[in-house]
């Protein structure tokens, strides 16, 4: 417990250091940029849920001068088998939403705030929500590759689902957040993307990984293959620590 508190304190100091003279100059002005996409496709999951489902999602981003904002909404529907009961359910339901804002101090450094909410009727949690603030660093900014690394602190609330043996439970805890994002433009029409985040709390550590490869079918339409994995270090008896989602989707950008 004490060690994690010391780690969180050090991360807080690192995440919000004094702005140096080199960072006081604003980034070059640019025209406001909007990007948005919708996606639909086939999903297979494993872990607490064994499903064959249909997924949908919406993503949007906006960038202007020193600010960048993004929103990502995802949902999954379908028939499922709950591994804790082995019963087949006709309606798998999972929703997740993430909102993020960045404020750029310079071409390399920025501050961020990020909020997440996830509701999965087949997981150990009824819902899990978190918010974090911190500092990001752009380590690679070439035309074909981009790498961002982030560290910060925040708060997470988890509501445990009631079972036959255990009552409903709410857990609130301070977290230390480590995250990274890598994008590789393979060709003019294809790209590889990797995201990784680790939220460290006194009660549990939640690790999320997203790996995706996409290729354009035409100017606005792309085919994407992705793998999302979520690992929670502490779960109730009978629940799985690791959940995975494998998806093949069609993405329309506008």
Protein backbone atom coordinates (compact mmCIF):
# COMPACT_ATOMS: atom_id res chain seq x y z
CA UNK A 1 0.00 0.00 0.00
CA UNK A 2 2.66 2.49 1.09
CA UNK A 3 4.86 1.69 -1.90
CA UNK A 4 2.00 2.40 -4.34
CA UNK A 5 1.31 5.71 -2.59
CA UNK A 6 4.97 6.71 -2.99
CA UNK A 7 4.84 5.72 -6.68
CA UNK A 8 1.71 7.82 -7.19
CA UNK A 9 3.38 10.79 -5.49
CA UNK A 10 6.43 10.56 -7.74
CA UNK A 11 4.23 10.27 -10.83
CA UNK A 12 2.29 13.35 -9.80
CA UNK A 13 5.53 15.35 -9.51
CA UNK A 14 6.69 14.06 -12.90
CA UNK A 15 3.34 14.57 -14.58
CA UNK A 16 3.00 18.27 -13.79
CA UNK A 17 6.52 19.76 -13.71
CA UNK A 18 7.12 23.50 -14.06
CA UNK A 19 6.87 24.66 -17.66
CA UNK A 20 10.34 25.46 -18.97
CA UNK A 21 11.12 28.49 -21.06
CA UNK A 22 11.43 26.26 -24.12
CA UNK A 23 7.86 25.05 -23.61
CA UNK A 24 6.27 28.42 -23.05
CA UNK A 25 6.10 29.15 -26.78
CA UNK A 26 2.82 27.86 -28.24
CA UNK A 27 2.84 25.32 -31.03
CA UNK A 28 2.53 26.57 -34.59
CA UNK A 29 -0.97 27.71 -35.47
CA UNK A 30 -2.93 25.38 -37.72
CA UNK A 31 -6.34 25.16 -39.23
CA UNK A 32 -8.96 23.39 -37.07
CA UNK A 33 -9.17 19.72 -38.02
CA UNK A 34 -12.22 17.47 -37.61
CA UNK A 35 -12.09 13.70 -38.09
CA UNK A 36 -14.86 11.19 -37.44
CA UNK A 37 -15.66 7.57 -38.25
CA UNK A 38 -18.30 4.92 -37.69
CA UNK A 39 -17.67 1.19 -37.71
CA UNK A 40 -19.66 -2.06 -37.79
CA UNK A 41 -18.44 -5.62 -37.85
CA UNK A 42 -18.05 -9.16 -36.50
CA UNK A 43 -16.70 -9.80 -33.00
CA UNK A 44 -15.47 -12.89 -31.14
CA UNK A 45 -14.71 -12.58 -27.41
CA UNK A 46 -13.16 -14.84 -24.76
CA UNK A 47 -12.70 -14.72 -21.01
CA UNK A 48 -15.78 -13.95 -18.92
CA UNK A 49 -17.83 -13.96 -22.13
CA UNK A 50 -17.74 -16.47 -25.01
CA UNK A 51 -19.61 -14.69 -27.81
CA UNK A 52 -20.13 -14.30 -31.49
CA UNK A 53 -21.55 -10.83 -31.89
CA UNK A 54 -21.99 -7.68 -33.91
CA UNK A 55 -20.19 -4.54 -32.81
CA UNK A 56 -20.61 -0.87 -33.54
CA UNK A 57 -18.62 2.22 -32.75
CA UNK A 58 -18.16 5.93 -33.25
CA UNK A 59 -14.95 7.96 -33.00
CA UNK A 60 -14.34 11.67 -33.38
CA UNK A 61 -11.41 14.03 -32.90
CA UNK A 62 -10.91 17.78 -33.09
CA UNK A 63 -7.62 19.67 -33.09
CA UNK A 64 -7.08 23.42 -33.01
CA UNK A 65 -3.91 25.34 -32.11
CA UNK A 66 -2.80 23.93 -28.72
CA UNK A 67 -5.87 21.79 -28.04
CA UNK A 68 -6.77 18.27 -29.17
CA UNK A 69 -9.97 16.44 -28.17
CA UNK A 70 -11.13 12.90 -28.89
CA UNK A 71 -14.17 10.73 -28.19
CA UNK A 72 -14.46 6.97 -28.67
CA UNK A 73 -17.71 5.02 -28.16
CA UNK A 74 -18.01 1.24 -28.63
CA UNK A 75 -20.76 -1.34 -28.13
CA UNK A 76 -21.20 -5.08 -28.60
CA UNK A 77 -24.48 -7.01 -28.94
CA UNK A 78 -25.16 -10.69 -29.47
CA UNK A 79 -25.66 -14.15 -27.98
CA UNK A 80 -23.18 -15.18 -25.31
CA UNK A 81 -22.15 -17.90 -22.88
CA UNK A 82 -21.27 -16.75 -19.36
CA UNK A 83 -18.27 -18.82 -18.23
CA UNK A 84 -19.24 -18.39 -14.56
CA UNK A 85 -22.61 -20.14 -15.05
CA UNK A 86 -22.24 -21.93 -18.44
CA UNK A 87 -25.68 -20.59 -19.36
CA UNK A 88 -26.32 -19.30 -22.87
CA UNK A 89 -27.71 -15.78 -22.90
CA UNK A 90 -29.38 -14.27 -25.93
CA UNK A 91 -28.24 -10.68 -25.39
CA UNK A 92 -24.58 -9.89 -24.81
CA UNK A 93 -24.21 -6.23 -23.94
CA UNK A 94 -21.04 -4.21 -23.54
CA UNK A 95 -20.61 -0.47 -23.75
CA UNK A 96 -17.50 1.66 -23.37
CA UNK A 97 -16.78 5.35 -23.76
CA UNK A 98 -13.53 7.29 -23.54
CA UNK A 99 -13.05 11.05 -23.76
CA UNK A 100 -9.66 12.75 -23.81
CA UNK A 101 -8.32 16.30 -24.07
CA UNK A 102 -4.70 17.36 -24.62
CA UNK A 103 -3.13 20.78 -24.14
CA UNK A 104 0.15 21.15 -26.02
CA UNK A 105 2.94 23.06 -24.29
CA UNK A 106 5.30 22.53 -27.22
CA UNK A 107 5.86 20.26 -30.20
CA UNK A 108 6.94 17.46 -27.82
CA UNK A 109 5.12 17.98 -24.51
CA UNK A 110 1.47 18.17 -23.52
CA UNK A 111 -0.87 17.81 -20.54
CA UNK A 112 -3.89 15.54 -20.71
CA UNK A 113 -7.11 14.60 -18.95
CA UNK A 114 -8.81 11.31 -19.83
CA UNK A 115 -12.07 9.74 -18.63
CA UNK A 116 -13.23 6.15 -19.17
CA UNK A 117 -16.48 4.31 -18.49
CA UNK A 118 -17.20 0.64 -19.20
CA UNK A 119 -20.35 -1.37 -18.61
CA UNK A 120 -20.16 -5.10 -19.36
CA UNK A 121 -22.99 -7.34 -18.13
CA UNK A 122 -20.79 -10.45 -18.37
CA UNK A 123 -17.71 -9.23 -16.50
CA UNK A 124 -16.95 -9.30 -12.78
CA UNK A 125 -17.81 -5.58 -12.65
CA UNK A 126 -21.20 -4.01 -13.12
CA UNK A 127 -19.29 -0.94 -14.25
CA UNK A 128 -15.86 0.63 -13.96
CA UNK A 129 -15.17 4.36 -14.35
CA UNK A 130 -11.95 6.35 -14.07
CA UNK A 131 -10.52 9.81 -14.65
CA UNK A 132 -6.82 10.75 -14.80
CA UNK A 133 -4.64 13.79 -15.46
CA UNK A 134 -0.98 13.94 -16.30
CA UNK A 135 1.79 14.66 -18.76
CA UNK A 136 2.47 13.27 -22.23
CA UNK A 137 5.64 13.19 -24.34
CA UNK A 138 5.87 12.81 -28.13
CA UNK A 139 8.99 10.68 -28.60
CA UNK A 140 8.59 9.96 -32.33
CA UNK A 141 6.92 12.38 -34.77
CA UNK A 142 8.06 11.28 -38.22
CA UNK A 143 5.86 11.13 -41.31
CA UNK A 144 5.45 7.35 -41.00
CA UNK A 145 5.70 6.71 -37.24
CA UNK A 146 4.34 8.37 -34.10
CA UNK A 147 4.97 7.36 -30.48
CA UNK A 148 3.38 9.06 -27.45
CA UNK A 149 4.05 8.08 -23.82
CA UNK A 150 2.02 9.34 -20.86
CA UNK A 151 2.10 9.22 -17.08
CA UNK A 152 -0.32 10.63 -14.56
CA UNK A 153 -2.59 10.10 -11.58
CA UNK A 154 -6.33 9.72 -11.16
CA UNK A 155 -9.26 8.05 -9.45
CA UNK A 156 -11.15 4.85 -10.31
CA UNK A 157 -14.49 3.58 -9.09
CA UNK A 158 -15.49 -0.06 -9.57
CA UNK A 159 -18.90 -1.51 -8.77
CA UNK A 160 -18.75 -5.28 -8.28
CA UNK A 161 -21.73 -7.29 -9.46
CA UNK A 162 -23.75 -9.16 -6.81
CA UNK A 163 -23.50 -12.98 -6.95
CA UNK A 164 -25.17 -15.82 -5.08
CA UNK A 165 -22.38 -15.77 -2.48
CA UNK A 166 -21.21 -12.16 -2.50
CA UNK A 167 -23.10 -8.87 -2.19
CA UNK A 168 -22.80 -5.87 -4.48
CA UNK A 169 -19.69 -3.83 -3.66
CA UNK A 170 -18.31 -0.41 -4.65
CA UNK A 171 -14.55 0.24 -4.59
CA UNK A 172 -12.98 3.70 -4.97
CA UNK A 173 -9.22 4.11 -5.22
CA UNK A 174 -6.46 6.45 -6.35
CA UNK A 175 -4.55 5.20 -9.39
CA UNK A 176 -1.25 5.81 -11.13
CA UNK A 177 -1.57 5.73 -14.93
CA UNK A 178 1.04 4.73 -17.50
CA UNK A 179 0.05 4.73 -21.18
CA UNK A 180 1.49 4.66 -24.66
CA UNK A 181 0.33 4.88 -28.27
CA UNK A 182 2.25 3.89 -31.40
CA UNK A 183 1.04 4.44 -34.98
CA UNK A 184 2.94 3.18 -38.04
CA UNK A 185 1.85 4.24 -41.51
CA UNK A 186 2.77 1.09 -43.42
CA UNK A 187 1.76 2.41 -46.83
CA UNK A 188 -0.36 5.28 -48.14
CA UNK A 189 -3.48 3.14 -47.61
CA UNK A 190 -2.66 1.01 -44.56
CA UNK A 191 -1.54 1.51 -40.97
CA UNK A 192 -0.73 -0.33 -37.74
CA UNK A 193 -1.81 0.98 -34.32
CA UNK A 194 -0.88 -0.16 -30.80
CA UNK A 195 -2.27 1.29 -27.56
CA UNK A 196 -1.36 0.21 -24.03
CA UNK A 197 -2.48 1.56 -20.65
CA UNK A 198 -1.78 0.40 -17.08
CA UNK A 199 -3.85 1.83 -14.21
CA UNK A 200 -2.26 0.87 -10.88
CA UNK A 201 -4.43 1.04 -7.75
CA UNK A 202 -4.22 -0.29 -4.19
CA UNK A 203 -7.01 -2.80 -4.86
CA UNK A 204 -6.31 -3.80 -8.48
CA UNK A 205 -4.18 -3.12 -11.53
CA UNK A 206 -6.06 -2.85 -14.84
CA UNK A 207 -4.07 -3.32 -18.06
CA UNK A 208 -5.63 -2.63 -21.46
CA UNK A 209 -4.06 -3.38 -24.84
CA UNK A 210 -5.38 -2.57 -28.31
CA UNK A 211 -3.73 -3.79 -31.51
CA UNK A 212 -5.19 -2.89 -34.90
CA UNK A 213 -4.29 -3.13 -38.58
CA UNK A 214 -6.37 -1.34 -41.20
CA UNK A 215 -6.31 -1.01 -44.98
CA UNK A 216 -8.32 1.39 -47.11
CA UNK A 217 -10.80 -0.10 -49.57
CA UNK A 218 -11.37 3.34 -51.06
CA UNK A 219 -10.87 6.94 -49.92
CA UNK A 220 -13.38 6.81 -47.04
CA UNK A 221 -13.84 3.09 -46.44
CA UNK A 222 -11.40 0.77 -44.65
CA UNK A 223 -11.24 -2.82 -43.43
CA UNK A 224 -9.81 -3.25 -39.91
CA UNK A 225 -8.68 -6.27 -37.88
CA UNK A 226 -8.20 -5.64 -34.17
CA UNK A 227 -7.48 -7.40 -30.88
CA UNK A 228 -8.39 -5.80 -27.54
CA UNK A 229 -7.27 -7.39 -24.26
CA UNK A 230 -8.18 -6.29 -20.72
CA UNK A 231 -6.50 -7.80 -17.65
CA UNK A 232 -7.63 -7.10 -14.09
CA UNK A 233 -5.27 -8.36 -11.37
CA UNK A 234 -7.97 -8.87 -8.71
CA UNK A 235 -11.32 -10.50 -9.52
CA UNK A 236 -13.88 -12.44 -7.53
CA UNK A 237 -13.82 -16.23 -7.42
CA UNK A 238 -15.18 -17.74 -10.61
CA UNK A 239 -14.41 -14.71 -12.80
CA UNK A 240 -11.65 -14.53 -15.41
CA UNK A 241 -8.80 -12.01 -15.07
CA UNK A 242 -8.34 -11.67 -18.84
CA UNK A 243 -10.95 -10.65 -21.40
CA UNK A 244 -10.23 -10.42 -25.14
CA UNK A 245 -12.18 -9.03 -28.07
CA UNK A 246 -11.20 -9.92 -31.64
CA UNK A 247 -13.01 -7.91 -34.30
CA UNK A 248 -13.19 -7.55 -38.07
CA UNK A 249 -14.89 -4.26 -38.93
CA UNK A 250 -15.71 -1.95 -41.77
CA UNK A 251 -14.82 1.67 -40.97
CA UNK A 252 -16.33 4.67 -42.74
CA UNK A 253 -14.47 7.95 -42.19
CA UNK A 254 -15.77 11.44 -42.86
